[in-house]
Amino acid sequence: MAEPVHLKSVLGTYPHTAALKSGALRSDEVVLDFVAVEPVHKAFAPMVRRAEYELSELAIATALQAKAYGKPIVVLPAVVASRLQRGCLIYHRGHGPVAPRDLAGARVGVRAYTQTTGLWLRAHLAEDYGLAAEDIRWVTSDPAHVEEYADPAFVAHFEGDASLPDRLRSGEIRAAILGNDLPEGDEFAPVIADHAAVDRAWYATHGFMPINHMVVVSAEAARRKPQAIRAAYALLKQAAAAAPVPADGMSRAAFGCSRLWDAVELTLATCADQKLLPRRLSVDEVFAGAEEILGDLGA
């Protein structure tokens, strides 16, 4: 029997990837050689700028920008991180209450304008309150992972290295968007007070969660190791199927289904509205190259 093919890989640790990362789930065809990157978003720039890894988790906004700017990656129809987003927009109680419409003309912090949680929060503010991206003064710490992309003119950059919670405490910004690093305790509160109910209604209407991260492979790996990538994709699906069902019953992973296509289509439209792409992409362009590896796009 032939030796399994190795793929240099980066994935976050989630219930639906834990079996892969622990080695409990294996394949005779492929070995995922995991590189530890914490937080996982620090792997995104190396992936799109110099194809540092053969298989990697990647923020969907970064993946779409990479495709638009001709970076050598192939996006697989595999979502490994998604969430309901409205609770990620917070303010500091010490400076008085903040409602969504109070953000018009206000300074709002986010790690990067291209951060996917920010993408979805801006979409929700437009959908629910009529606030366009340019109606708010966005302030960021980090540039885009894709070097060719420049933030729109209505986005500024912080001076210094203070954290977003500290900038909220000082009153430098009115609100901030955080993701997995949301602070705990009563010091901060969500700007959208009924975020959980509104998010659940959004999910019921759309039938999917807003995508945060997908899985991509380098074009070189796609060319040289297609069978190993097929095996890796099968492992990802198997691990997700075996993972415990989330308490809310809403899956954070998705693979090769019509709802995934709907989710990507909505993300593309949202990116266009927020000036995140140099041109509009089609869903076929996003997944170009994946069908040759996976057949019927892994359905």
C-alpha atoms as a PDB file:
ATOM      1  CA  MET A   1       0.000   0.000   0.000  1.00  0.00           C
ATOM      2  CA  ALA A   2       1.255   3.469  -0.885  1.00  0.00           C
ATOM      3  CA  GLU A   3       2.233   5.802   1.927  1.00  0.00           C
ATOM      4  CA  PRO A   4      -0.307   8.561   2.725  1.00  0.00           C
ATOM      5  CA  VAL A   5       0.387  12.012   1.273  1.00  0.00           C
ATOM      6  CA  HIS A   6       1.142  14.793   3.752  1.00  0.00           C
ATOM      7  CA  LEU A   7      -0.506  18.220   3.611  1.00  0.00           C
ATOM      8  CA  LYS A   8       0.845  21.135   5.649  1.00  0.00           C
ATOM      9  CA  SER A   9      -2.374  22.369   7.256  1.00  0.00           C
ATOM     10  CA  VAL A  10      -3.896  24.999   9.534  1.00  0.00           C
ATOM     11  CA  LEU A  11      -7.342  24.623  11.086  1.00  0.00           C
ATOM     12  CA  GLY A  12      -8.849  26.090  14.213  1.00  0.00           C
ATOM     13  CA  THR A  13      -9.945  23.714  16.969  1.00  0.00           C
ATOM     14  CA  TYR A  14     -13.723  23.317  16.930  1.00  0.00           C
ATOM     15  CA  PRO A  15     -16.015  20.432  17.908  1.00  0.00           C
ATOM     16  CA  HIS A  16     -16.180  19.509  14.217  1.00  0.00           C
ATOM     17  CA  THR A  17     -12.373  19.541  13.723  1.00  0.00           C
ATOM     18  CA  ALA A  18     -11.295  18.129  17.092  1.00  0.00           C
ATOM     19  CA  ALA A  19     -11.176  14.505  15.916  1.00  0.00           C
ATOM     20  CA  LEU A  20      -8.901  15.486  13.028  1.00  0.00           C
ATOM     21  CA  LYS A  21      -6.541  17.497  15.194  1.00  0.00           C
ATOM     22  CA  SER A  22      -6.348  14.859  17.926  1.00  0.00           C
ATOM     23  CA  GLY A  23      -5.639  12.109  15.401  1.00  0.00           C
ATOM     24  CA  ALA A  24      -8.754  10.168  16.405  1.00  0.00           C
ATOM     25  CA  LEU A  25      -9.915  10.351  12.790  1.00  0.00           C
ATOM     26  CA  ARG A  26      -7.377   9.233  10.197  1.00  0.00           C
ATOM     27  CA  SER A  27      -7.060   8.324   6.534  1.00  0.00           C
ATOM     28  CA  ASP A  28      -4.860   5.876   4.647  1.00  0.00           C
ATOM     29  CA  GLU A  29      -4.548   8.444   1.857  1.00  0.00           C
ATOM     30  CA  VAL A  30      -3.662  11.692   3.593  1.00  0.00           C
ATOM     31  CA  VAL A  31      -2.010  13.015   6.745  1.00  0.00           C
ATOM     32  CA  LEU A  32      -2.819  16.557   7.805  1.00  0.00           C
ATOM     33  CA  ASP A  33       0.366  17.970   9.318  1.00  0.00           C
ATOM     34  CA  PHE A  34      -1.123  20.663  11.518  1.00  0.00           C
ATOM     35  CA  VAL A  35       0.788  23.869  12.169  1.00  0.00           C
ATOM     36  CA  ALA A  36      -0.280  25.577  15.407  1.00  0.00           C
ATOM     37  CA  VAL A  37      -1.342  29.170  14.702  1.00  0.00           C
ATOM     38  CA  GLU A  38      -3.112  31.114  17.463  1.00  0.00           C
ATOM     39  CA  PRO A  39      -5.300  32.958  16.867  1.00  0.00           C
ATOM     40  CA  VAL A  40      -6.038  31.249  13.576  1.00  0.00           C
ATOM     41  CA  HIS A  41      -6.476  34.534  11.654  1.00  0.00           C
ATOM     42  CA  LYS A  42      -2.695  34.979  11.845  1.00  0.00           C
ATOM     43  CA  ALA A  43      -2.441  32.192   9.237  1.00  0.00           C
ATOM     44  CA  PHE A  44      -4.538  34.074   6.690  1.00  0.00           C
ATOM     45  CA  ALA A  45      -1.996  36.602   5.396  1.00  0.00           C
ATOM     46  CA  PRO A  46       0.768  33.989   4.953  1.00  0.00           C
ATOM     47  CA  MET A  47      -1.696  31.789   3.075  1.00  0.00           C
ATOM     48  CA  VAL A  48      -2.843  34.369   0.547  1.00  0.00           C
ATOM     49  CA  ARG A  49       0.464  36.221   0.212  1.00  0.00           C
ATOM     50  CA  ARG A  50       2.868  33.312  -0.215  1.00  0.00           C
ATOM     51  CA  ALA A  51       0.848  30.057  -0.076  1.00  0.00           C
ATOM     52  CA  GLU A  52       2.504  29.163   3.238  1.00  0.00           C
ATOM     53  CA  TYR A  53       0.228  26.161   3.763  1.00  0.00           C
ATOM     54  CA  GLU A  54      -1.225  23.501   1.489  1.00  0.00           C
ATOM     55  CA  LEU A  55      -4.600  23.425   3.259  1.00  0.00           C
ATOM     56  CA  SER A  56      -5.845  26.231   5.465  1.00  0.00           C
ATOM     57  CA  GLU A  57      -8.835  27.748   7.114  1.00  0.00           C
ATOM     58  CA  LEU A  58      -9.452  31.220   5.659  1.00  0.00           C
ATOM     59  CA  ALA A  59     -11.906  34.027   6.369  1.00  0.00           C
ATOM     60  CA  ILE A  60     -14.467  34.162   3.595  1.00  0.00           C
ATOM     61  CA  ALA A  61     -13.842  37.870   2.957  1.00  0.00           C
ATOM     62  CA  THR A  62     -10.135  37.135   2.551  1.00  0.00           C
ATOM     63  CA  ALA A  63     -10.880  34.146   0.318  1.00  0.00           C
ATOM     64  CA  LEU A  64     -13.120  36.231  -1.942  1.00  0.00           C
ATOM     65  CA  GLN A  65     -10.550  39.000  -2.153  1.00  0.00           C
ATOM     66  CA  ALA A  66      -7.845  36.451  -2.932  1.00  0.00           C
ATOM     67  CA  LYS A  67      -9.923  35.093  -5.810  1.00  0.00           C
ATOM     68  CA  ALA A  68     -10.657  38.590  -7.107  1.00  0.00           C
ATOM     69  CA  TYR A  69      -6.961  39.516  -7.084  1.00  0.00           C
ATOM     70  CA  GLY A  70      -5.859  36.263  -8.732  1.00  0.00           C
ATOM     71  CA  LYS A  71      -4.111  34.650  -5.760  1.00  0.00           C
ATOM     72  CA  PRO A  72      -3.169  30.971  -6.287  1.00  0.00           C
ATOM     73  CA  ILE A  73      -5.750  29.329  -4.032  1.00  0.00           C
ATOM     74  CA  VAL A  74      -8.685  26.984  -4.575  1.00  0.00           C
ATOM     75  CA  VAL A  75     -11.719  27.481  -2.333  1.00  0.00           C
ATOM     76  CA  LEU A  76     -13.317  24.216  -1.231  1.00  0.00           C
ATOM     77  CA  PRO A  77     -17.076  24.058  -0.494  1.00  0.00           C
ATOM     78  CA  ALA A  78     -16.352  23.614   3.207  1.00  0.00           C
ATOM     79  CA  VAL A  79     -17.367  26.018   5.981  1.00  0.00           C
ATOM     80  CA  VAL A  80     -15.564  25.422   9.281  1.00  0.00           C
ATOM     81  CA  ALA A  81     -16.626  28.539  11.217  1.00  0.00           C
ATOM     82  CA  SER A  82     -19.879  30.464  11.190  1.00  0.00           C
ATOM     83  CA  ARG A  83     -21.997  32.187  13.793  1.00  0.00           C
ATOM     84  CA  LEU A  84     -24.891  34.504  14.447  1.00  0.00           C
ATOM     85  CA  GLN A  85     -23.192  37.895  14.570  1.00  0.00           C
ATOM     86  CA  ARG A  86     -25.388  40.634  16.018  1.00  0.00           C
ATOM     87  CA  GLY A  87     -24.203  40.111  19.609  1.00  0.00           C
ATOM     88  CA  CYS A  88     -20.596  40.905  18.592  1.00  0.00           C
ATOM     89  CA  LEU A  89     -21.223  44.689  18.444  1.00  0.00           C
ATOM     90  CA  ILE A  90     -20.704  46.111  21.941  1.00  0.00           C
ATOM     91  CA  TYR A  91     -20.387  49.378  23.863  1.00  0.00           C
ATOM     92  CA  HIS A  92     -19.063  50.346  27.307  1.00  0.00           C
ATOM     93  CA  ARG A  93     -21.742  50.956  29.915  1.00  0.00           C
ATOM     94  CA  GLY A  94     -19.702  53.675  31.606  1.00  0.00           C
ATOM     95  CA  HIS A  95     -20.300  56.096  28.723  1.00  0.00           C
ATOM     96  CA  GLY A  96     -24.069  55.663  28.596  1.00  0.00           C
ATOM     97  CA  PRO A  97     -26.305  53.442  26.480  1.00  0.00           C
ATOM     98  CA  VAL A  98     -25.753  53.107  22.744  1.00  0.00           C
ATOM     99  CA  ALA A  99     -28.463  52.052  20.311  1.00  0.00           C
ATOM    100  CA  PRO A 100     -27.779  51.082  16.687  1.00  0.00           C
ATOM    101  CA  ARG A 101     -28.983  54.364  15.197  1.00  0.00           C
ATOM    102  CA  ASP A 102     -26.633  56.249  17.551  1.00  0.00           C
ATOM    103  CA  LEU A 103     -23.757  54.903  15.439  1.00  0.00           C
ATOM    104  CA  ALA A 104     -24.451  57.212  12.492  1.00  0.00           C
ATOM    105  CA  GLY A 105     -21.350  59.400  12.277  1.00  0.00           C
ATOM    106  CA  ALA A 106     -19.787  57.690  15.333  1.00  0.00           C
ATOM    107  CA  ARG A 107     -16.355  56.037  15.575  1.00  0.00           C
ATOM    108  CA  VAL A 108     -16.685  52.261  15.694  1.00  0.00           C
ATOM    109  CA  GLY A 109     -13.671  49.998  16.120  1.00  0.00           C
ATOM    110  CA  VAL A 110     -13.018  46.689  14.396  1.00  0.00           C
ATOM    111  CA  ARG A 111      -9.784  44.725  14.068  1.00  0.00           C
ATOM    112  CA  ALA A 112      -9.803  45.074  10.274  1.00  0.00           C
ATOM    113  CA  TYR A 113     -12.346  46.432   7.808  1.00  0.00           C
ATOM    114  CA  THR A 114     -12.145  43.068   6.051  1.00  0.00           C
ATOM    115  CA  GLN A 115     -12.788  41.047   9.231  1.00  0.00           C
ATOM    116  CA  THR A 116     -15.755  38.818   8.472  1.00  0.00           C
ATOM    117  CA  THR A 117     -17.624  39.563  11.681  1.00  0.00           C
ATOM    118  CA  GLY A 118     -17.449  43.246  10.736  1.00  0.00           C
ATOM    119  CA  LEU A 119     -18.717  42.441   7.244  1.00  0.00           C
ATOM    120  CA  TRP A 120     -21.822  40.781   8.678  1.00  0.00           C
ATOM    121  CA  LEU A 121     -22.445  43.412  11.357  1.00  0.00           C
ATOM    122  CA  ARG A 122     -22.363  46.145   8.719  1.00  0.00           C
ATOM    123  CA  ALA A 123     -24.799  44.103   6.618  1.00  0.00           C
ATOM    124  CA  HIS A 124     -27.150  43.715   9.590  1.00  0.00           C
ATOM    125  CA  LEU A 125     -26.960  47.432  10.443  1.00  0.00           C
ATOM    126  CA  ALA A 126     -27.909  48.251   6.851  1.00  0.00           C
ATOM    127  CA  GLU A 127     -30.665  45.629   6.729  1.00  0.00           C
ATOM    128  CA  ASP A 128     -32.217  46.383  10.121  1.00  0.00           C
ATOM    129  CA  TYR A 129     -31.560  50.112  10.625  1.00  0.00           C
ATOM    130  CA  GLY A 130     -30.771  51.613   7.212  1.00  0.00           C
ATOM    131  CA  LEU A 131     -27.154  52.396   8.182  1.00  0.00           C
ATOM    132  CA  ALA A 132     -24.836  52.042   5.184  1.00  0.00           C
ATOM    133  CA  ALA A 133     -21.179  51.200   5.752  1.00  0.00           C
ATOM    134  CA  GLU A 134     -20.124  54.749   4.857  1.00  0.00           C
ATOM    135  CA  ASP A 135     -22.542  56.242   7.438  1.00  0.00           C
ATOM    136  CA  ILE A 136     -20.219  55.095  10.242  1.00  0.00           C
ATOM    137  CA  ARG A 137     -16.611  56.159  10.932  1.00  0.00           C
ATOM    138  CA  TRP A 138     -14.840  52.799  11.015  1.00  0.00           C
ATOM    139  CA  VAL A 139     -11.462  52.638  12.735  1.00  0.00           C
ATOM    140  CA  THR A 140      -9.172  49.615  12.415  1.00  0.00           C
ATOM    141  CA  SER A 141      -5.971  48.145  13.814  1.00  0.00           C
ATOM    142  CA  ASP A 142      -4.975  45.777  11.001  1.00  0.00           C
ATOM    143  CA  PRO A 143      -4.831  46.034   7.205  1.00  0.00           C
ATOM    144  CA  ALA A 144      -6.337  43.464   4.871  1.00  0.00           C
ATOM    145  CA  HIS A 145      -4.629  40.077   4.549  1.00  0.00           C
ATOM    146  CA  VAL A 146      -4.628  40.542   0.757  1.00  0.00           C
ATOM    147  CA  GLU A 147      -2.011  43.237   0.205  1.00  0.00           C
ATOM    148  CA  GLU A 148      -3.543  44.654  -2.981  1.00  0.00           C
ATOM    149  CA  TYR A 149      -6.744  45.699  -1.220  1.00  0.00           C
ATOM    150  CA  ALA A 150      -6.971  49.250   0.183  1.00  0.00           C
ATOM    151  CA  ASP A 151      -9.640  50.220   2.709  1.00  0.00           C
ATOM    152  CA  PRO A 152     -12.332  52.660   1.526  1.00  0.00           C
ATOM    153  CA  ALA A 153     -11.912  56.360   2.274  1.00  0.00           C
ATOM    154  CA  PHE A 154     -14.399  56.219   5.174  1.00  0.00           C
ATOM    155  CA  VAL A 155     -12.099  53.835   7.112  1.00  0.00           C
ATOM    156  CA  ALA A 156      -9.331  55.218   9.384  1.00  0.00           C
ATOM    157  CA  HIS A 157      -6.516  53.471  11.246  1.00  0.00           C
ATOM    158  CA  PHE A 158      -5.863  53.590  14.995  1.00  0.00           C
ATOM    159  CA  GLU A 159      -2.673  55.034  16.385  1.00  0.00           C
ATOM    160  CA  GLY A 160      -0.990  53.014  19.106  1.00  0.00           C
ATOM    161  CA  ASP A 161      -1.636  49.435  20.116  1.00  0.00           C
ATOM    162  CA  ALA A 162      -4.414  49.710  22.711  1.00  0.00           C
ATOM    163  CA  SER A 163      -7.015  46.942  22.581  1.00  0.00           C
ATOM    164  CA  LEU A 164     -10.569  47.547  21.423  1.00  0.00           C
ATOM    165  CA  PRO A 165     -11.954  47.027  24.969  1.00  0.00           C
ATOM    166  CA  ASP A 166      -9.478  49.611  26.297  1.00  0.00           C
ATOM    167  CA  ARG A 167     -10.488  52.060  23.562  1.00  0.00           C
ATOM    168  CA  LEU A 168     -14.114  51.557  24.594  1.00  0.00           C
ATOM    169  CA  ARG A 169     -13.217  52.161  28.238  1.00  0.00           C
ATOM    170  CA  SER A 170     -11.461  55.419  27.390  1.00  0.00           C
ATOM    171  CA  GLY A 171     -14.306  56.648  25.206  1.00  0.00           C
ATOM    172  CA  GLU A 172     -12.092  56.848  22.131  1.00  0.00           C
ATOM    173  CA  ILE A 173     -14.703  54.855  20.205  1.00  0.00           C
ATOM    174  CA  ARG A 174     -18.470  54.586  20.689  1.00  0.00           C
ATOM    175  CA  ALA A 175     -18.746  50.877  19.914  1.00  0.00           C
ATOM    176  CA  ALA A 176     -16.615  47.974  18.739  1.00  0.00           C
ATOM    177  CA  ILE A 177     -16.950  44.681  16.904  1.00  0.00           C
ATOM    178  CA  LEU A 178     -15.188  41.681  18.427  1.00  0.00           C
ATOM    179  CA  GLY A 179     -15.432  37.996  17.623  1.00  0.00           C
ATOM    180  CA  ASN A 180     -14.077  35.089  19.631  1.00  0.00           C
ATOM    181  CA  ASP A 181     -12.404  37.675  21.872  1.00  0.00           C
ATOM    182  CA  LEU A 182     -15.651  39.233  23.139  1.00  0.00           C
ATOM    183  CA  PRO A 183     -15.022  40.395  26.723  1.00  0.00           C
ATOM    184  CA  GLU A 184     -17.075  38.823  29.491  1.00  0.00           C
ATOM    185  CA  GLY A 185     -18.813  40.456  32.436  1.00  0.00           C
ATOM    186  CA  ASP A 186     -21.169  43.398  32.893  1.00  0.00           C
ATOM    187  CA  GLU A 187     -18.749  46.144  31.862  1.00  0.00           C
ATOM    188  CA  PHE A 188     -19.815  45.897  28.199  1.00  0.00           C
ATOM    189  CA  ALA A 189     -23.235  45.420  26.623  1.00  0.00           C
ATOM    190  CA  PRO A 190     -24.522  44.578  23.140  1.00  0.00           C
ATOM    191  CA  VAL A 191     -25.578  47.528  21.013  1.00  0.00           C
ATOM    192  CA  ILE A 192     -28.377  45.398  19.533  1.00  0.00           C
ATOM    193  CA  ALA A 193     -30.234  44.550  22.718  1.00  0.00           C
ATOM    194  CA  ASP A 194     -32.495  41.889  21.186  1.00  0.00           C
ATOM    195  CA  HIS A 195     -29.688  40.403  19.079  1.00  0.00           C
ATOM    196  CA  ALA A 196     -30.411  36.759  19.952  1.00  0.00           C
ATOM    197  CA  ALA A 197     -34.048  36.895  18.863  1.00  0.00           C
ATOM    198  CA  VAL A 198     -33.275  38.866  15.697  1.00  0.00           C
ATOM    199  CA  ASP A 199     -30.457  36.477  14.802  1.00  0.00           C
ATOM    200  CA  ARG A 200     -32.708  33.451  15.265  1.00  0.00           C
ATOM    201  CA  ALA A 201     -35.332  35.030  13.024  1.00  0.00           C
ATOM    202  CA  TRP A 202     -32.655  35.752  10.394  1.00  0.00           C
ATOM    203  CA  TYR A 203     -31.504  32.127  10.531  1.00  0.00           C
ATOM    204  CA  ALA A 204     -35.078  30.880  10.198  1.00  0.00           C
ATOM    205  CA  THR A 205     -35.567  33.062   7.117  1.00  0.00           C
ATOM    206  CA  HIS A 206     -32.291  32.224   5.367  1.00  0.00           C
ATOM    207  CA  GLY A 207     -31.678  28.651   6.509  1.00  0.00           C
ATOM    208  CA  PHE A 208     -27.947  29.156   7.082  1.00  0.00           C
ATOM    209  CA  MET A 209     -25.575  30.948   9.386  1.00  0.00           C
ATOM    210  CA  PRO A 210     -23.424  33.842   8.179  1.00  0.00           C
ATOM    211  CA  ILE A 211     -20.125  32.300   7.075  1.00  0.00           C
ATOM    212  CA  ASN A 212     -16.932  33.252   8.872  1.00  0.00           C
ATOM    213  CA  HIS A 213     -14.265  30.810   7.653  1.00  0.00           C
ATOM    214  CA  MET A 214     -13.965  28.332   4.790  1.00  0.00           C
ATOM    215  CA  VAL A 215     -11.242  25.852   3.790  1.00  0.00           C
ATOM    216  CA  VAL A 216      -8.867  26.586   0.912  1.00  0.00           C
ATOM    217  CA  VAL A 217      -5.909  24.808  -0.627  1.00  0.00           C
ATOM    218  CA  SER A 218      -2.951  26.203  -2.497  1.00  0.00           C
ATOM    219  CA  ALA A 219      -3.142  25.954  -6.279  1.00  0.00           C
ATOM    220  CA  GLU A 220       0.143  24.042  -6.214  1.00  0.00           C
ATOM    221  CA  ALA A 221      -1.282  21.432  -3.841  1.00  0.00           C
ATOM    222  CA  ALA A 222      -4.405  21.201  -5.990  1.00  0.00           C
ATOM    223  CA  ARG A 223      -2.216  20.474  -9.014  1.00  0.00           C
ATOM    224  CA  ARG A 224       0.208  18.052  -7.374  1.00  0.00           C
ATOM    225  CA  LYS A 225      -1.927  16.318  -4.704  1.00  0.00           C
ATOM    226  CA  PRO A 226      -5.574  16.227  -5.818  1.00  0.00           C
ATOM    227  CA  GLN A 227      -6.276  12.776  -4.370  1.00  0.00           C
ATOM    228  CA  ALA A 228      -4.921  13.825  -0.984  1.00  0.00           C
ATOM    229  CA  ILE A 229      -7.149  16.912  -1.053  1.00  0.00           C
ATOM    230  CA  ARG A 230     -10.167  14.749  -1.887  1.00  0.00           C
ATOM    231  CA  ALA A 231      -9.294  12.561   1.079  1.00  0.00           C
ATOM    232  CA  ALA A 232      -8.841  15.590   3.341  1.00  0.00           C
ATOM    233  CA  TYR A 233     -12.225  16.963   2.279  1.00  0.00           C
ATOM    234  CA  ALA A 234     -13.814  13.583   3.058  1.00  0.00           C
ATOM    235  CA  LEU A 235     -12.183  13.663   6.499  1.00  0.00           C
ATOM    236  CA  LEU A 236     -13.531  17.146   7.169  1.00  0.00           C
ATOM    237  CA  LYS A 237     -17.052  16.021   6.296  1.00  0.00           C
ATOM    238  CA  GLN A 238     -16.700  12.897   8.399  1.00  0.00           C
ATOM    239  CA  ALA A 239     -15.453  14.857  11.416  1.00  0.00           C
ATOM    240  CA  ALA A 240     -18.304  17.356  11.109  1.00  0.00           C
ATOM    241  CA  ALA A 241     -20.898  14.589  10.847  1.00  0.00           C
ATOM    242  CA  ALA A 242     -19.545  12.926  13.987  1.00  0.00           C
ATOM    243  CA  ALA A 243     -19.369  16.119  16.075  1.00  0.00           C
ATOM    244  CA  PRO A 244     -21.939  16.798  18.811  1.00  0.00           C
ATOM    245  CA  VAL A 245     -24.958  18.801  17.701  1.00  0.00           C
ATOM    246  CA  PRO A 246     -24.684  22.366  19.089  1.00  0.00           C
ATOM    247  CA  ALA A 247     -27.041  23.178  21.954  1.00  0.00           C
ATOM    248  CA  ASP A 248     -28.974  25.612  19.752  1.00  0.00           C
ATOM    249  CA  GLY A 249     -29.313  22.984  17.009  1.00  0.00           C
ATOM    250  CA  MET A 250     -27.625  25.228  14.441  1.00  0.00           C
ATOM    251  CA  SER A 251     -24.606  23.739  12.679  1.00  0.00           C
ATOM    252  CA  ARG A 252     -21.387  25.780  12.399  1.00  0.00           C
ATOM    253  CA  ALA A 253     -20.082  23.618   9.525  1.00  0.00           C
ATOM    254  CA  ALA A 254     -21.416  23.136   5.982  1.00  0.00           C
ATOM    255  CA  PHE A 255     -20.264  21.198   2.939  1.00  0.00           C
ATOM    256  CA  GLY A 256     -21.234  21.246  -0.742  1.00  0.00           C
ATOM    257  CA  CYS A 257     -24.965  21.965  -0.395  1.00  0.00           C
ATOM    258  CA  SER A 258     -27.396  24.380  -2.028  1.00  0.00           C
ATOM    259  CA  ARG A 259     -27.626  26.423   1.169  1.00  0.00           C
ATOM    260  CA  LEU A 260     -23.874  26.938   1.037  1.00  0.00           C
ATOM    261  CA  TRP A 261     -24.216  28.313  -2.483  1.00  0.00           C
ATOM    262  CA  ASP A 262     -26.949  30.685  -1.208  1.00  0.00           C
ATOM    263  CA  ALA A 263     -24.697  31.775   1.658  1.00  0.00           C
ATOM    264  CA  VAL A 264     -21.770  32.505  -0.660  1.00  0.00           C
ATOM    265  CA  GLU A 265     -24.032  34.406  -3.054  1.00  0.00           C
ATOM    266  CA  LEU A 266     -25.257  36.607  -0.218  1.00  0.00           C
ATOM    267  CA  THR A 267     -21.686  37.148   0.976  1.00  0.00           C
ATOM    268  CA  LEU A 268     -20.646  38.249  -2.516  1.00  0.00           C
ATOM    269  CA  ALA A 269     -23.489  40.763  -2.680  1.00  0.00           C
ATOM    270  CA  THR A 270     -22.602  42.047   0.780  1.00  0.00           C
ATOM    271  CA  CYS A 271     -18.938  42.453  -0.172  1.00  0.00           C
ATOM    272  CA  ALA A 272     -19.947  44.447  -3.237  1.00  0.00           C
ATOM    273  CA  ASP A 273     -22.164  46.746  -1.137  1.00  0.00           C
ATOM    274  CA  GLN A 274     -19.297  47.416   1.285  1.00  0.00           C
ATOM    275  CA  LYS A 275     -16.605  48.015  -1.346  1.00  0.00           C
ATOM    276  CA  LEU A 276     -14.670  44.936  -0.262  1.00  0.00           C
ATOM    277  CA  LEU A 277     -14.004  43.604  -3.764  1.00  0.00           C
ATOM    278  CA  PRO A 278     -12.441  45.246  -6.845  1.00  0.00           C
ATOM    279  CA  ARG A 279     -15.131  43.579  -8.978  1.00  0.00           C
ATOM    280  CA  ARG A 280     -18.175  41.374  -8.526  1.00  0.00           C
ATOM    281  CA  LEU A 281     -17.453  37.642  -8.553  1.00  0.00           C
ATOM    282  CA  SER A 282     -19.800  34.800  -9.405  1.00  0.00           C
ATOM    283  CA  VAL A 283     -20.185  31.703  -7.227  1.00  0.00           C
ATOM    284  CA  ASP A 284     -18.663  29.673 -10.086  1.00  0.00           C
ATOM    285  CA  GLU A 285     -15.545  31.872  -9.945  1.00  0.00           C
ATOM    286  CA  VAL A 286     -15.292  31.416  -6.189  1.00  0.00           C
ATOM    287  CA  PHE A 287     -15.198  27.624  -6.499  1.00  0.00           C
ATOM    288  CA  ALA A 288     -13.180  27.502  -9.725  1.00  0.00           C
ATOM    289  CA  GLY A 289     -10.821  24.543  -9.560  1.00  0.00           C
ATOM    290  CA  ALA A 290     -12.690  22.733  -6.799  1.00  0.00           C
ATOM    291  CA  GLU A 291     -14.880  20.653  -9.097  1.00  0.00           C
ATOM    292  CA  GLU A 292     -11.804  19.187 -10.828  1.00  0.00           C
ATOM    293  CA  ILE A 293     -10.626  17.929  -7.426  1.00  0.00           C
ATOM    294  CA  LEU A 294     -13.871  16.938  -5.751  1.00  0.00           C
ATOM    295  CA  GLY A 295     -16.108  15.936  -8.649  1.00  0.00           C
ATOM    296  CA  ASP A 296     -19.608  17.323  -8.133  1.00  0.00           C
ATOM    297  CA  LEU A 297     -18.193  19.883  -5.678  1.00  0.00           C
ATOM    298  CA  GLY A 298     -18.210  17.405  -2.862  1.00  0.00           C
ATOM    299  CA  ALA A 299     -21.985  17.061  -2.707  1.00  0.00           C
END
